[in-house]
C-alpha cells in the first residue's frame, strides 16, 4: 500500500471498536500533538494508553476526512472526529477538528504532527469540513 492508502485506511477505523489499531503504528512511532489543552508527545506506549481510554469512554470514535494530501510520501489529513458517548449511545456527535501530518516507515504510521481544536457550534464549522470528499 502507498503511504496515502495506509493513512486513509487508518482514518477509516473506529478507534473505540477496532482491536487492531496498534498494528497501524510503528513500534518507534511518535505523535506530537498541539491541542487546546496543550502540547503532548506520545510514543507507542502512550498511544496504547490513549486508545485504551478511548475504548472506555466511547461507543464509537470515528473520523470524517475532508482532505487527504500526499506530498512525496508525507501525508496530510484534515478531518473531524465524531463520537458516540457512553452517556448518549444513540447520538453521533462531532467532537473536534484536526489536521495531522504523517510520515510512514515500514508500512506503518511513524512520525505524526497534529493540531486540534474543539468543535464550535457554528454551522460553518461543520460545513467547511464536509465540502470535500476524499
Foldseek 3Di string as FASTA:
>chain_A
DALLVLVVVLQADWLLPDPCNLVQADQAAWEWEQEPVGTDIDHSVRVVVVSVVCNVWFPTKHWAWQDWDQDPQWIKTWTWIWTQTPVHNPDIGTFKIKIKIFHDDPNHTHYMYMYIYTDDPDPCRVVVRVPHHD
